N, C-alpha and C. Protein backbone atom coordinates (compact mmCIF):
# COMPACT_ATOMS: atom_id res chain seq x y z
N MET A 1 -32.00 54.57 -28.83
CA MET A 1 -33.26 55.03 -28.26
C MET A 1 -34.37 54.87 -29.29
N GLY A 2 -35.52 54.30 -28.88
CA GLY A 2 -36.63 54.08 -29.78
C GLY A 2 -37.38 55.36 -30.10
N THR A 3 -38.16 55.30 -31.18
CA THR A 3 -38.98 56.44 -31.58
C THR A 3 -40.13 56.62 -30.60
N LEU A 4 -40.38 57.85 -30.20
CA LEU A 4 -41.49 58.13 -29.31
C LEU A 4 -42.80 57.89 -30.05
N LYS A 5 -43.67 57.09 -29.45
CA LYS A 5 -44.95 56.76 -30.08
C LYS A 5 -46.00 57.75 -29.59
N THR A 6 -46.51 58.56 -30.51
CA THR A 6 -47.40 59.65 -30.15
C THR A 6 -48.85 59.41 -30.56
N ARG A 7 -49.11 58.37 -31.33
CA ARG A 7 -50.46 58.07 -31.79
C ARG A 7 -50.81 56.63 -31.47
N CYS A 8 -52.03 56.41 -31.06
CA CYS A 8 -52.49 55.06 -30.76
C CYS A 8 -53.38 54.58 -31.90
N VAL A 9 -53.02 53.46 -32.49
CA VAL A 9 -53.79 52.85 -33.56
C VAL A 9 -54.49 51.61 -33.01
N ILE A 10 -55.79 51.54 -33.27
CA ILE A 10 -56.58 50.38 -32.85
C ILE A 10 -57.05 49.65 -34.10
N ILE A 11 -56.87 48.35 -34.14
CA ILE A 11 -57.36 47.53 -35.24
C ILE A 11 -58.46 46.64 -34.69
N GLY A 12 -59.69 46.89 -35.16
CA GLY A 12 -60.84 46.13 -34.71
C GLY A 12 -61.18 45.00 -35.66
N GLY A 13 -62.30 44.36 -35.41
CA GLY A 13 -62.67 43.17 -36.17
C GLY A 13 -63.65 43.42 -37.29
N GLY A 14 -63.90 44.72 -37.64
CA GLY A 14 -64.80 45.02 -38.75
C GLY A 14 -64.09 44.88 -40.08
N ASP A 15 -64.62 45.57 -41.11
CA ASP A 15 -64.01 45.48 -42.44
C ASP A 15 -62.64 46.14 -42.44
N CYS A 16 -61.67 45.42 -42.97
CA CYS A 16 -60.30 45.93 -42.97
C CYS A 16 -59.49 45.16 -44.02
N SER A 17 -58.58 45.85 -44.69
CA SER A 17 -57.76 45.19 -45.71
C SER A 17 -56.28 45.39 -45.38
N ASP A 18 -55.46 44.54 -45.98
CA ASP A 18 -54.01 44.69 -45.82
C ASP A 18 -53.56 46.06 -46.30
N ASP A 19 -54.07 46.50 -47.45
CA ASP A 19 -53.61 47.75 -48.05
C ASP A 19 -53.91 48.95 -47.15
N ILE A 20 -55.13 49.00 -46.59
CA ILE A 20 -55.49 50.16 -45.77
C ILE A 20 -54.61 50.26 -44.53
N LEU A 21 -54.22 49.10 -43.98
CA LEU A 21 -53.33 49.11 -42.81
C LEU A 21 -51.91 49.50 -43.21
N LYS A 22 -51.40 48.92 -44.28
CA LYS A 22 -50.04 49.22 -44.71
C LYS A 22 -49.87 50.69 -45.10
N GLU A 23 -50.90 51.26 -45.71
CA GLU A 23 -50.82 52.65 -46.20
C GLU A 23 -50.88 53.67 -45.07
N ASN A 24 -51.50 53.32 -43.96
CA ASN A 24 -51.80 54.33 -42.94
C ASN A 24 -51.08 54.15 -41.61
N ILE A 25 -50.55 52.97 -41.34
CA ILE A 25 -49.92 52.72 -40.04
C ILE A 25 -48.41 52.91 -40.15
N LYS A 26 -47.86 53.65 -39.20
CA LYS A 26 -46.41 53.83 -39.11
C LYS A 26 -45.93 53.00 -37.92
N VAL A 27 -45.37 51.85 -38.22
CA VAL A 27 -45.05 50.90 -37.15
C VAL A 27 -43.99 51.44 -36.19
N ASP A 28 -43.17 52.37 -36.64
CA ASP A 28 -42.13 52.91 -35.77
C ASP A 28 -42.66 53.94 -34.79
N SER A 29 -43.74 54.64 -35.15
CA SER A 29 -44.21 55.73 -34.31
C SER A 29 -45.64 55.55 -33.80
N ASP A 30 -46.33 54.50 -34.22
CA ASP A 30 -47.68 54.23 -33.74
C ASP A 30 -47.66 53.12 -32.69
N TYR A 31 -48.43 53.36 -31.63
CA TYR A 31 -48.65 52.31 -30.63
C TYR A 31 -49.89 51.54 -31.09
N ILE A 32 -49.75 50.26 -31.37
CA ILE A 32 -50.78 49.48 -32.04
C ILE A 32 -51.44 48.52 -31.06
N ILE A 33 -52.76 48.67 -30.93
CA ILE A 33 -53.56 47.77 -30.10
C ILE A 33 -54.52 47.02 -31.02
N CYS A 34 -54.53 45.71 -30.93
CA CYS A 34 -55.50 44.90 -31.67
C CYS A 34 -56.63 44.49 -30.74
N ALA A 35 -57.85 44.75 -31.19
CA ALA A 35 -59.03 44.35 -30.43
C ALA A 35 -59.51 43.01 -30.96
N ASP A 36 -59.25 41.96 -30.19
CA ASP A 36 -59.68 40.61 -30.53
C ASP A 36 -59.27 40.22 -31.95
N SER A 37 -60.24 39.94 -32.85
CA SER A 37 -59.90 39.44 -34.18
C SER A 37 -59.22 40.48 -35.05
N GLY A 38 -59.11 41.72 -34.58
CA GLY A 38 -58.27 42.69 -35.28
C GLY A 38 -56.83 42.20 -35.42
N TYR A 39 -56.44 41.31 -34.50
CA TYR A 39 -55.10 40.71 -34.57
C TYR A 39 -54.91 39.94 -35.88
N ASP A 40 -55.95 39.25 -36.34
CA ASP A 40 -55.85 38.50 -37.59
C ASP A 40 -55.57 39.42 -38.77
N TYR A 41 -56.21 40.60 -38.79
CA TYR A 41 -55.96 41.58 -39.85
C TYR A 41 -54.53 42.10 -39.78
N ALA A 42 -54.06 42.37 -38.56
CA ALA A 42 -52.70 42.89 -38.40
C ALA A 42 -51.66 41.90 -38.91
N ILE A 43 -51.81 40.65 -38.51
CA ILE A 43 -50.84 39.64 -38.93
C ILE A 43 -50.89 39.44 -40.44
N SER A 44 -52.09 39.49 -41.03
CA SER A 44 -52.21 39.36 -42.48
C SER A 44 -51.46 40.47 -43.20
N ALA A 45 -51.44 41.67 -42.59
CA ALA A 45 -50.74 42.81 -43.20
C ALA A 45 -49.27 42.88 -42.80
N GLY A 46 -48.80 41.91 -42.02
CA GLY A 46 -47.40 41.90 -41.60
C GLY A 46 -47.09 42.89 -40.50
N ILE A 47 -48.09 43.22 -39.68
CA ILE A 47 -47.93 44.19 -38.60
C ILE A 47 -48.01 43.48 -37.26
N THR A 48 -47.02 43.71 -36.42
CA THR A 48 -47.01 43.12 -35.08
C THR A 48 -47.49 44.16 -34.07
N PRO A 49 -48.59 43.91 -33.39
CA PRO A 49 -49.12 44.90 -32.45
C PRO A 49 -48.30 44.97 -31.17
N ASP A 50 -48.48 46.07 -30.45
CA ASP A 50 -47.85 46.23 -29.14
C ASP A 50 -48.69 45.57 -28.04
N LEU A 51 -50.00 45.45 -28.29
CA LEU A 51 -50.91 44.93 -27.26
C LEU A 51 -52.10 44.27 -27.94
N LEU A 52 -52.55 43.18 -27.35
CA LEU A 52 -53.76 42.48 -27.80
C LEU A 52 -54.75 42.52 -26.66
N ILE A 53 -56.00 42.93 -26.97
CA ILE A 53 -57.00 43.05 -25.92
C ILE A 53 -58.33 42.49 -26.42
N GLY A 54 -59.07 41.81 -25.53
CA GLY A 54 -60.38 41.29 -25.90
C GLY A 54 -60.77 40.07 -25.10
N ASP A 55 -61.96 39.56 -25.41
CA ASP A 55 -62.38 38.32 -24.77
C ASP A 55 -61.96 37.11 -25.60
N PHE A 56 -61.42 37.38 -26.80
CA PHE A 56 -60.82 36.37 -27.67
C PHE A 56 -61.83 35.30 -28.09
N ASP A 57 -63.05 35.75 -28.37
CA ASP A 57 -64.07 34.81 -28.83
C ASP A 57 -64.13 34.70 -30.34
N SER A 58 -63.39 35.57 -31.05
CA SER A 58 -63.46 35.54 -32.51
C SER A 58 -62.09 35.47 -33.18
N ILE A 59 -61.03 35.52 -32.43
CA ILE A 59 -59.68 35.46 -32.98
C ILE A 59 -59.37 34.04 -33.45
N LYS A 60 -58.60 33.92 -34.52
CA LYS A 60 -58.29 32.59 -35.05
C LYS A 60 -57.38 31.82 -34.11
N ALA A 61 -56.34 32.46 -33.61
CA ALA A 61 -55.40 31.79 -32.69
C ALA A 61 -54.81 32.84 -31.77
N ILE A 62 -54.78 32.57 -30.49
CA ILE A 62 -54.26 33.51 -29.51
C ILE A 62 -52.74 33.35 -29.43
N PRO A 63 -51.98 34.39 -29.73
CA PRO A 63 -50.51 34.28 -29.66
C PRO A 63 -50.04 34.11 -28.22
N LYS A 64 -48.97 33.38 -28.05
CA LYS A 64 -48.46 33.12 -26.70
C LYS A 64 -47.54 34.22 -26.21
N ASN A 65 -46.60 34.63 -27.03
CA ASN A 65 -45.57 35.57 -26.59
C ASN A 65 -45.91 37.00 -27.00
N MET A 66 -47.00 37.50 -26.45
CA MET A 66 -47.43 38.87 -26.74
C MET A 66 -48.16 39.42 -25.53
N ARG A 67 -47.97 40.72 -25.29
CA ARG A 67 -48.67 41.35 -24.18
C ARG A 67 -50.17 41.35 -24.45
N LYS A 68 -50.95 40.86 -23.49
CA LYS A 68 -52.39 40.70 -23.68
C LYS A 68 -53.14 41.20 -22.45
N VAL A 69 -54.34 41.71 -22.71
CA VAL A 69 -55.31 42.02 -21.66
C VAL A 69 -56.55 41.19 -21.98
N THR A 70 -56.88 40.26 -21.12
CA THR A 70 -58.02 39.38 -21.35
C THR A 70 -59.25 39.93 -20.66
N LEU A 71 -60.31 40.08 -21.44
CA LEU A 71 -61.57 40.62 -20.92
C LEU A 71 -62.60 39.50 -20.75
N PRO A 72 -63.53 39.66 -19.84
CA PRO A 72 -64.61 38.67 -19.71
C PRO A 72 -65.53 38.72 -20.92
N VAL A 73 -66.17 37.60 -21.24
CA VAL A 73 -67.11 37.56 -22.35
C VAL A 73 -68.30 38.47 -22.06
N GLU A 74 -68.79 38.46 -20.85
CA GLU A 74 -69.90 39.33 -20.45
C GLU A 74 -69.31 40.61 -19.84
N LYS A 75 -69.48 41.73 -20.57
CA LYS A 75 -68.88 42.99 -20.15
C LYS A 75 -69.73 44.15 -20.66
N ASP A 76 -69.44 45.33 -20.15
CA ASP A 76 -70.24 46.51 -20.48
C ASP A 76 -69.71 47.29 -21.67
N VAL A 77 -68.56 46.93 -22.21
CA VAL A 77 -67.99 47.65 -23.35
C VAL A 77 -67.58 46.65 -24.42
N THR A 78 -67.51 47.13 -25.66
CA THR A 78 -66.99 46.30 -26.74
C THR A 78 -65.48 46.20 -26.63
N ASP A 79 -64.90 45.27 -27.38
CA ASP A 79 -63.44 45.13 -27.38
C ASP A 79 -62.76 46.40 -27.90
N SER A 80 -63.37 47.05 -28.91
CA SER A 80 -62.79 48.28 -29.45
C SER A 80 -62.80 49.40 -28.42
N VAL A 81 -63.89 49.52 -27.68
CA VAL A 81 -63.96 50.55 -26.64
C VAL A 81 -62.95 50.25 -25.54
N ALA A 82 -62.80 48.99 -25.19
CA ALA A 82 -61.81 48.61 -24.18
C ALA A 82 -60.40 48.95 -24.66
N ALA A 83 -60.13 48.76 -25.95
CA ALA A 83 -58.82 49.12 -26.51
C ALA A 83 -58.62 50.63 -26.45
N PHE A 84 -59.66 51.39 -26.77
CA PHE A 84 -59.57 52.85 -26.68
C PHE A 84 -59.31 53.29 -25.24
N ASN A 85 -60.03 52.71 -24.31
CA ASN A 85 -59.83 53.07 -22.89
C ASN A 85 -58.41 52.76 -22.43
N GLU A 86 -57.87 51.66 -22.93
CA GLU A 86 -56.49 51.31 -22.59
C GLU A 86 -55.53 52.36 -23.12
N GLY A 87 -55.77 52.84 -24.35
CA GLY A 87 -54.92 53.88 -24.91
C GLY A 87 -55.02 55.18 -24.14
N VAL A 88 -56.23 55.53 -23.71
CA VAL A 88 -56.41 56.74 -22.90
C VAL A 88 -55.66 56.61 -21.58
N ASN A 89 -55.73 55.42 -20.99
CA ASN A 89 -55.00 55.19 -19.73
C ASN A 89 -53.49 55.35 -19.91
N GLN A 90 -53.03 55.11 -21.14
CA GLN A 90 -51.61 55.29 -21.44
C GLN A 90 -51.29 56.71 -21.91
N LYS A 91 -52.26 57.61 -21.76
CA LYS A 91 -52.08 59.05 -21.99
C LYS A 91 -52.01 59.45 -23.46
N PHE A 92 -52.51 58.61 -24.36
CA PHE A 92 -52.59 59.03 -25.76
C PHE A 92 -53.79 59.95 -25.93
N SER A 93 -53.64 60.94 -26.81
CA SER A 93 -54.74 61.86 -27.11
C SER A 93 -55.09 61.87 -28.59
N SER A 94 -54.37 61.08 -29.38
CA SER A 94 -54.64 60.96 -30.81
C SER A 94 -54.78 59.48 -31.16
N PHE A 95 -55.93 59.12 -31.76
CA PHE A 95 -56.25 57.73 -32.06
C PHE A 95 -56.73 57.58 -33.50
N VAL A 96 -56.43 56.43 -34.09
CA VAL A 96 -57.02 56.04 -35.36
C VAL A 96 -57.56 54.62 -35.19
N LEU A 97 -58.79 54.40 -35.65
CA LEU A 97 -59.41 53.09 -35.55
C LEU A 97 -59.63 52.53 -36.94
N PHE A 98 -59.06 51.35 -37.18
CA PHE A 98 -59.32 50.58 -38.40
C PHE A 98 -60.18 49.37 -38.02
N GLY A 99 -60.93 48.86 -38.98
CA GLY A 99 -61.80 47.73 -38.67
C GLY A 99 -62.91 48.12 -37.72
N GLY A 100 -63.31 49.39 -37.78
CA GLY A 100 -64.35 49.88 -36.88
C GLY A 100 -65.70 50.03 -37.56
N THR A 101 -65.77 49.67 -38.85
CA THR A 101 -67.02 49.78 -39.60
C THR A 101 -67.27 48.46 -40.32
N GLY A 102 -68.45 48.38 -40.99
CA GLY A 102 -68.80 47.15 -41.69
C GLY A 102 -69.27 46.09 -40.72
N GLY A 103 -69.58 44.94 -41.24
CA GLY A 103 -70.05 43.88 -40.36
C GLY A 103 -71.36 44.26 -39.70
N ARG A 104 -71.40 44.16 -38.39
CA ARG A 104 -72.61 44.46 -37.63
C ARG A 104 -72.77 45.98 -37.46
N PHE A 105 -73.93 46.50 -37.89
CA PHE A 105 -74.12 47.94 -37.88
C PHE A 105 -74.06 48.52 -36.47
N GLU A 106 -74.55 47.77 -35.47
CA GLU A 106 -74.55 48.31 -34.12
C GLU A 106 -73.13 48.58 -33.62
N HIS A 107 -72.17 47.78 -34.08
CA HIS A 107 -70.79 48.03 -33.69
C HIS A 107 -70.25 49.29 -34.38
N THR A 108 -70.61 49.47 -35.66
CA THR A 108 -70.22 50.70 -36.35
C THR A 108 -70.78 51.92 -35.65
N PHE A 109 -72.07 51.87 -35.31
CA PHE A 109 -72.70 53.01 -34.65
C PHE A 109 -72.07 53.26 -33.29
N ALA A 110 -71.75 52.20 -32.56
CA ALA A 110 -71.10 52.36 -31.26
C ALA A 110 -69.75 53.04 -31.41
N ASN A 111 -69.02 52.71 -32.46
CA ASN A 111 -67.71 53.33 -32.66
C ASN A 111 -67.84 54.80 -33.05
N VAL A 112 -68.86 55.15 -33.85
CA VAL A 112 -69.10 56.56 -34.17
C VAL A 112 -69.47 57.33 -32.90
N SER A 113 -70.28 56.71 -32.05
CA SER A 113 -70.64 57.35 -30.77
C SER A 113 -69.40 57.55 -29.91
N LEU A 114 -68.52 56.55 -29.90
CA LEU A 114 -67.27 56.67 -29.15
C LEU A 114 -66.44 57.83 -29.69
N MET A 115 -66.39 57.96 -31.00
CA MET A 115 -65.62 59.04 -31.62
C MET A 115 -66.16 60.40 -31.21
N ALA A 116 -67.50 60.55 -31.19
CA ALA A 116 -68.11 61.81 -30.79
C ALA A 116 -67.84 62.11 -29.32
N LYS A 117 -67.93 61.09 -28.48
CA LYS A 117 -67.64 61.27 -27.05
C LYS A 117 -66.18 61.66 -26.85
N ALA A 118 -65.28 61.03 -27.59
CA ALA A 118 -63.86 61.38 -27.49
C ALA A 118 -63.64 62.85 -27.84
N SER A 119 -64.32 63.32 -28.89
CA SER A 119 -64.18 64.72 -29.29
C SER A 119 -64.60 65.66 -28.16
N LYS A 120 -65.68 65.33 -27.48
CA LYS A 120 -66.13 66.17 -26.36
C LYS A 120 -65.13 66.17 -25.22
N ASP A 121 -64.32 65.12 -25.14
CA ASP A 121 -63.29 65.02 -24.11
C ASP A 121 -61.92 65.52 -24.60
N ASN A 122 -61.91 66.22 -25.74
CA ASN A 122 -60.67 66.77 -26.32
C ASN A 122 -59.68 65.69 -26.72
N ILE A 123 -60.20 64.56 -27.16
CA ILE A 123 -59.38 63.47 -27.67
C ILE A 123 -59.74 63.26 -29.14
N GLU A 124 -58.74 63.17 -29.99
CA GLU A 124 -58.98 62.96 -31.42
C GLU A 124 -59.06 61.47 -31.71
N LEU A 125 -60.19 61.04 -32.27
CA LEU A 125 -60.35 59.67 -32.73
C LEU A 125 -60.88 59.72 -34.15
N VAL A 126 -60.11 59.18 -35.08
CA VAL A 126 -60.50 59.13 -36.50
C VAL A 126 -60.73 57.67 -36.86
N ILE A 127 -61.81 57.41 -37.59
CA ILE A 127 -62.13 56.06 -38.05
C ILE A 127 -61.90 56.00 -39.56
N ILE A 128 -61.13 55.03 -40.01
CA ILE A 128 -60.79 54.92 -41.43
C ILE A 128 -61.17 53.54 -41.94
N ASP A 129 -61.87 53.52 -43.10
CA ASP A 129 -62.07 52.26 -43.80
C ASP A 129 -61.78 52.48 -45.29
N GLU A 130 -62.15 51.55 -46.13
CA GLU A 130 -61.79 51.61 -47.55
C GLU A 130 -62.38 52.84 -48.26
N LYS A 131 -63.56 53.26 -47.85
CA LYS A 131 -64.26 54.33 -48.57
C LYS A 131 -64.51 55.57 -47.74
N HIS A 132 -64.20 55.55 -46.45
CA HIS A 132 -64.59 56.66 -45.59
C HIS A 132 -63.48 57.05 -44.62
N ILE A 133 -63.50 58.33 -44.25
CA ILE A 133 -62.77 58.83 -43.09
C ILE A 133 -63.80 59.53 -42.22
N PHE A 134 -63.96 59.05 -40.99
CA PHE A 134 -64.90 59.64 -40.04
C PHE A 134 -64.12 60.51 -39.05
N ARG A 135 -64.61 61.73 -38.83
CA ARG A 135 -64.03 62.63 -37.85
C ARG A 135 -65.15 63.19 -36.98
N ALA A 136 -64.79 63.71 -35.83
CA ALA A 136 -65.74 64.47 -35.00
C ALA A 136 -65.01 65.69 -34.46
N ILE A 137 -65.73 66.81 -34.41
CA ILE A 137 -65.19 68.02 -33.81
C ILE A 137 -66.21 68.59 -32.84
N THR A 138 -65.70 69.19 -31.77
CA THR A 138 -66.55 69.83 -30.77
C THR A 138 -66.03 71.24 -30.51
N ASN A 139 -66.88 72.22 -30.75
CA ASN A 139 -66.52 73.62 -30.51
C ASN A 139 -65.18 73.98 -31.16
N SER A 140 -65.01 73.57 -32.40
CA SER A 140 -63.71 73.79 -33.05
C SER A 140 -63.86 73.78 -34.57
N THR A 141 -62.71 73.74 -35.24
CA THR A 141 -62.66 73.85 -36.71
C THR A 141 -61.78 72.75 -37.27
N VAL A 142 -62.13 72.25 -38.45
CA VAL A 142 -61.29 71.30 -39.16
C VAL A 142 -61.21 71.72 -40.63
N GLU A 143 -60.05 71.52 -41.24
CA GLU A 143 -59.88 71.75 -42.66
C GLU A 143 -59.63 70.41 -43.35
N ILE A 144 -60.30 70.19 -44.48
CA ILE A 144 -60.18 68.94 -45.22
C ILE A 144 -59.73 69.26 -46.64
N ALA A 145 -58.66 68.64 -47.07
CA ALA A 145 -58.13 68.90 -48.40
C ALA A 145 -59.05 68.33 -49.47
N LYS A 146 -59.18 69.06 -50.57
CA LYS A 146 -59.98 68.59 -51.70
C LYS A 146 -59.29 67.41 -52.38
N LYS A 147 -60.07 66.38 -52.71
CA LYS A 147 -59.56 65.21 -53.42
C LYS A 147 -60.51 64.88 -54.57
N ASP A 148 -60.04 64.11 -55.51
CA ASP A 148 -60.90 63.65 -56.59
C ASP A 148 -61.93 62.66 -56.06
N ASN A 149 -63.12 62.69 -56.64
CA ASN A 149 -64.17 61.72 -56.30
C ASN A 149 -64.44 61.66 -54.80
N GLN A 150 -64.66 62.82 -54.23
CA GLN A 150 -64.82 62.95 -52.78
C GLN A 150 -66.08 63.73 -52.47
N GLN A 151 -66.78 63.31 -51.43
CA GLN A 151 -67.90 64.08 -50.90
C GLN A 151 -67.81 64.13 -49.38
N ILE A 152 -68.33 65.22 -48.82
CA ILE A 152 -68.27 65.45 -47.38
C ILE A 152 -69.70 65.56 -46.85
N SER A 153 -69.97 64.83 -45.77
CA SER A 153 -71.26 64.93 -45.09
C SER A 153 -71.03 65.35 -43.64
N VAL A 154 -71.91 66.21 -43.15
CA VAL A 154 -71.77 66.78 -41.80
C VAL A 154 -73.07 66.61 -41.04
N PHE A 155 -72.99 66.05 -39.84
CA PHE A 155 -74.17 65.80 -39.03
C PHE A 155 -73.95 66.30 -37.60
N ALA A 156 -74.97 66.93 -37.05
CA ALA A 156 -74.95 67.24 -35.61
C ALA A 156 -75.14 65.93 -34.86
N PHE A 157 -74.41 65.78 -33.77
CA PHE A 157 -74.48 64.52 -33.02
C PHE A 157 -74.93 64.78 -31.59
N GLY A 158 -76.00 64.10 -31.19
CA GLY A 158 -76.44 64.15 -29.80
C GLY A 158 -77.41 65.27 -29.49
N GLU A 159 -77.11 66.45 -30.01
CA GLU A 159 -77.94 67.62 -29.77
C GLU A 159 -77.66 68.64 -30.85
N LYS A 160 -78.40 69.72 -30.84
CA LYS A 160 -78.20 70.74 -31.86
C LYS A 160 -76.77 71.29 -31.82
N ALA A 161 -76.25 71.58 -32.99
CA ALA A 161 -74.93 72.20 -33.12
C ALA A 161 -75.13 73.63 -33.61
N PHE A 162 -74.60 74.59 -32.87
CA PHE A 162 -74.83 76.00 -33.15
C PHE A 162 -73.60 76.63 -33.82
N GLY A 163 -73.86 77.61 -34.67
CA GLY A 163 -72.76 78.32 -35.31
C GLY A 163 -71.98 77.45 -36.27
N VAL A 164 -72.68 76.64 -37.05
CA VAL A 164 -72.01 75.77 -38.03
C VAL A 164 -71.75 76.57 -39.31
N THR A 165 -70.50 76.62 -39.70
CA THR A 165 -70.09 77.34 -40.92
C THR A 165 -69.26 76.41 -41.78
N GLU A 166 -69.58 76.36 -43.07
CA GLU A 166 -68.82 75.56 -44.03
C GLU A 166 -68.36 76.48 -45.15
N ILE A 167 -67.04 76.62 -45.29
CA ILE A 167 -66.44 77.51 -46.28
C ILE A 167 -65.66 76.65 -47.29
N GLY A 168 -65.75 77.03 -48.56
CA GLY A 168 -65.04 76.30 -49.60
C GLY A 168 -65.82 75.13 -50.15
N PHE A 169 -67.14 75.10 -49.90
CA PHE A 169 -68.00 74.01 -50.34
C PHE A 169 -68.98 74.49 -51.41
N HIS A 170 -69.46 73.56 -52.20
CA HIS A 170 -70.47 73.87 -53.21
C HIS A 170 -71.74 74.42 -52.54
N TYR A 171 -72.11 73.83 -51.41
CA TYR A 171 -73.24 74.33 -50.62
C TYR A 171 -72.69 74.87 -49.30
N PRO A 172 -72.41 76.16 -49.22
CA PRO A 172 -71.83 76.72 -47.99
C PRO A 172 -72.90 76.91 -46.92
N LEU A 173 -72.44 77.03 -45.69
CA LEU A 173 -73.29 77.38 -44.55
C LEU A 173 -72.61 78.50 -43.78
N THR A 174 -73.42 79.36 -43.18
CA THR A 174 -72.87 80.43 -42.35
C THR A 174 -73.67 80.54 -41.07
N ASP A 175 -72.99 80.30 -39.94
CA ASP A 175 -73.59 80.47 -38.62
C ASP A 175 -74.96 79.77 -38.53
N TYR A 176 -74.98 78.53 -38.96
CA TYR A 176 -76.24 77.77 -39.03
C TYR A 176 -76.41 76.90 -37.79
N THR A 177 -77.67 76.69 -37.38
CA THR A 177 -77.97 75.76 -36.30
C THR A 177 -78.39 74.44 -36.93
N LEU A 178 -77.56 73.42 -36.75
CA LEU A 178 -77.79 72.11 -37.37
C LEU A 178 -78.45 71.19 -36.36
N ASP A 179 -79.59 70.65 -36.75
CA ASP A 179 -80.38 69.79 -35.87
C ASP A 179 -80.03 68.32 -36.16
N PRO A 180 -79.82 67.49 -35.13
CA PRO A 180 -79.47 66.09 -35.38
C PRO A 180 -80.59 65.30 -36.05
N PHE A 181 -81.82 65.82 -35.99
CA PHE A 181 -82.95 65.14 -36.61
C PHE A 181 -83.20 65.60 -38.05
N ASP A 182 -82.31 66.47 -38.56
CA ASP A 182 -82.38 66.91 -39.93
C ASP A 182 -81.14 66.43 -40.65
N GLY A 183 -81.09 65.14 -40.93
CA GLY A 183 -79.88 64.54 -41.48
C GLY A 183 -79.63 64.85 -42.93
N CYS A 184 -80.68 65.28 -43.66
CA CYS A 184 -80.53 65.48 -45.10
C CYS A 184 -79.66 66.69 -45.45
N LEU A 185 -79.75 67.75 -44.67
CA LEU A 185 -79.12 69.01 -45.05
C LEU A 185 -77.61 68.88 -45.22
N GLY A 186 -76.97 68.15 -44.35
CA GLY A 186 -75.52 68.08 -44.39
C GLY A 186 -74.95 66.96 -45.23
N THR A 187 -75.79 66.26 -45.98
CA THR A 187 -75.34 65.07 -46.70
C THR A 187 -74.77 65.41 -48.08
N SER A 188 -73.62 64.83 -48.39
CA SER A 188 -73.05 64.81 -49.76
C SER A 188 -72.80 66.20 -50.32
N ASN A 189 -71.83 66.89 -49.74
CA ASN A 189 -71.39 68.19 -50.22
C ASN A 189 -70.04 68.04 -50.91
N ASP A 190 -69.70 68.99 -51.78
CA ASP A 190 -68.44 68.93 -52.51
C ASP A 190 -67.55 70.11 -52.12
N ILE A 191 -66.26 69.84 -51.97
CA ILE A 191 -65.28 70.91 -51.75
C ILE A 191 -64.93 71.52 -53.10
N VAL A 192 -65.02 72.85 -53.20
CA VAL A 192 -64.74 73.54 -54.46
C VAL A 192 -63.45 74.33 -54.42
N ASP A 193 -62.90 74.60 -53.24
CA ASP A 193 -61.60 75.25 -53.09
C ASP A 193 -60.54 74.19 -52.80
N ASP A 194 -59.32 74.61 -52.52
CA ASP A 194 -58.27 73.64 -52.20
C ASP A 194 -58.58 72.90 -50.89
N TYR A 195 -59.25 73.62 -49.98
CA TYR A 195 -59.63 73.04 -48.70
C TYR A 195 -61.07 73.42 -48.38
N GLY A 196 -61.75 72.52 -47.70
CA GLY A 196 -63.05 72.84 -47.12
C GLY A 196 -62.87 73.06 -45.63
N LYS A 197 -63.41 74.15 -45.12
CA LYS A 197 -63.25 74.49 -43.70
C LYS A 197 -64.61 74.38 -43.01
N ILE A 198 -64.65 73.59 -41.93
CA ILE A 198 -65.89 73.36 -41.18
C ILE A 198 -65.68 73.81 -39.75
N THR A 199 -66.59 74.65 -39.26
CA THR A 199 -66.50 75.18 -37.91
C THR A 199 -67.82 74.94 -37.19
N VAL A 200 -67.76 74.60 -35.91
CA VAL A 200 -68.94 74.58 -35.05
C VAL A 200 -68.59 75.36 -33.79
N GLU A 201 -69.42 76.35 -33.47
CA GLU A 201 -69.16 77.19 -32.31
C GLU A 201 -69.55 76.49 -31.00
N ASN A 202 -70.65 75.76 -31.04
CA ASN A 202 -71.15 75.11 -29.81
C ASN A 202 -71.86 73.82 -30.19
N GLY A 203 -71.23 72.70 -29.91
CA GLY A 203 -71.82 71.42 -30.24
C GLY A 203 -70.80 70.48 -30.85
N THR A 204 -71.27 69.30 -31.23
CA THR A 204 -70.41 68.27 -31.80
C THR A 204 -70.91 67.90 -33.18
N LEU A 205 -69.99 67.84 -34.13
CA LEU A 205 -70.30 67.41 -35.49
C LEU A 205 -69.58 66.11 -35.80
N VAL A 206 -70.28 65.21 -36.47
CA VAL A 206 -69.65 64.04 -37.07
C VAL A 206 -69.51 64.33 -38.56
N ILE A 207 -68.29 64.21 -39.05
CA ILE A 207 -67.95 64.56 -40.43
C ILE A 207 -67.49 63.29 -41.14
N ILE A 208 -68.13 62.99 -42.27
CA ILE A 208 -67.81 61.78 -43.01
C ILE A 208 -67.29 62.15 -44.39
N GLU A 209 -66.05 61.81 -44.65
CA GLU A 209 -65.44 62.00 -45.96
C GLU A 209 -65.56 60.69 -46.73
N THR A 210 -66.26 60.73 -47.88
CA THR A 210 -66.55 59.53 -48.66
C THR A 210 -65.81 59.55 -49.97
N LYS A 211 -65.17 58.44 -50.30
CA LYS A 211 -64.52 58.28 -51.60
C LYS A 211 -65.50 57.60 -52.54
N LEU A 212 -65.88 58.28 -53.60
CA LEU A 212 -66.91 57.76 -54.51
C LEU A 212 -66.33 56.75 -55.49
């Protein structure tokens, strides 16, 4: 009997390295979807995906013996969003996206927006690249372990976030209303305890963990 796959991993066509994929993907327990040229990154890292999806306008070579979903070139969603929707249709509620940043900024921003929307729908989507881990929380709490050369930035997304509390940080907050148009306040904070705890009572936060 095979291992139950409980997490959906999406590999997109943004910045991605062999090391970041090898370090974070568990091929036995992750369901892996490659969005178009994300397939090239997977193969470079020695990872065989479960599904390939996209319009295939940027992939080096389309594999023959692999499950594929072919999308039209003219469509209302990006290949990464289509891959996420496919994972949701397969009832996954935990996602990690690699290759979702870098390259064209509009694609990065679209993926961050997707992450925030997923959070509002009670779906966990984390975006990982070489220097960052992106998270979103809605009406909930997250704890982040302290690491060397690390900074945490917190932004309200879409609308004001009420009851924002940050414990274990150099610059703490207590029951604060964070405005999405005040981006400076939540930028570049340091965890001073073993863990930093971030809570939002009402609203959505985008949390960016940066490796300096």
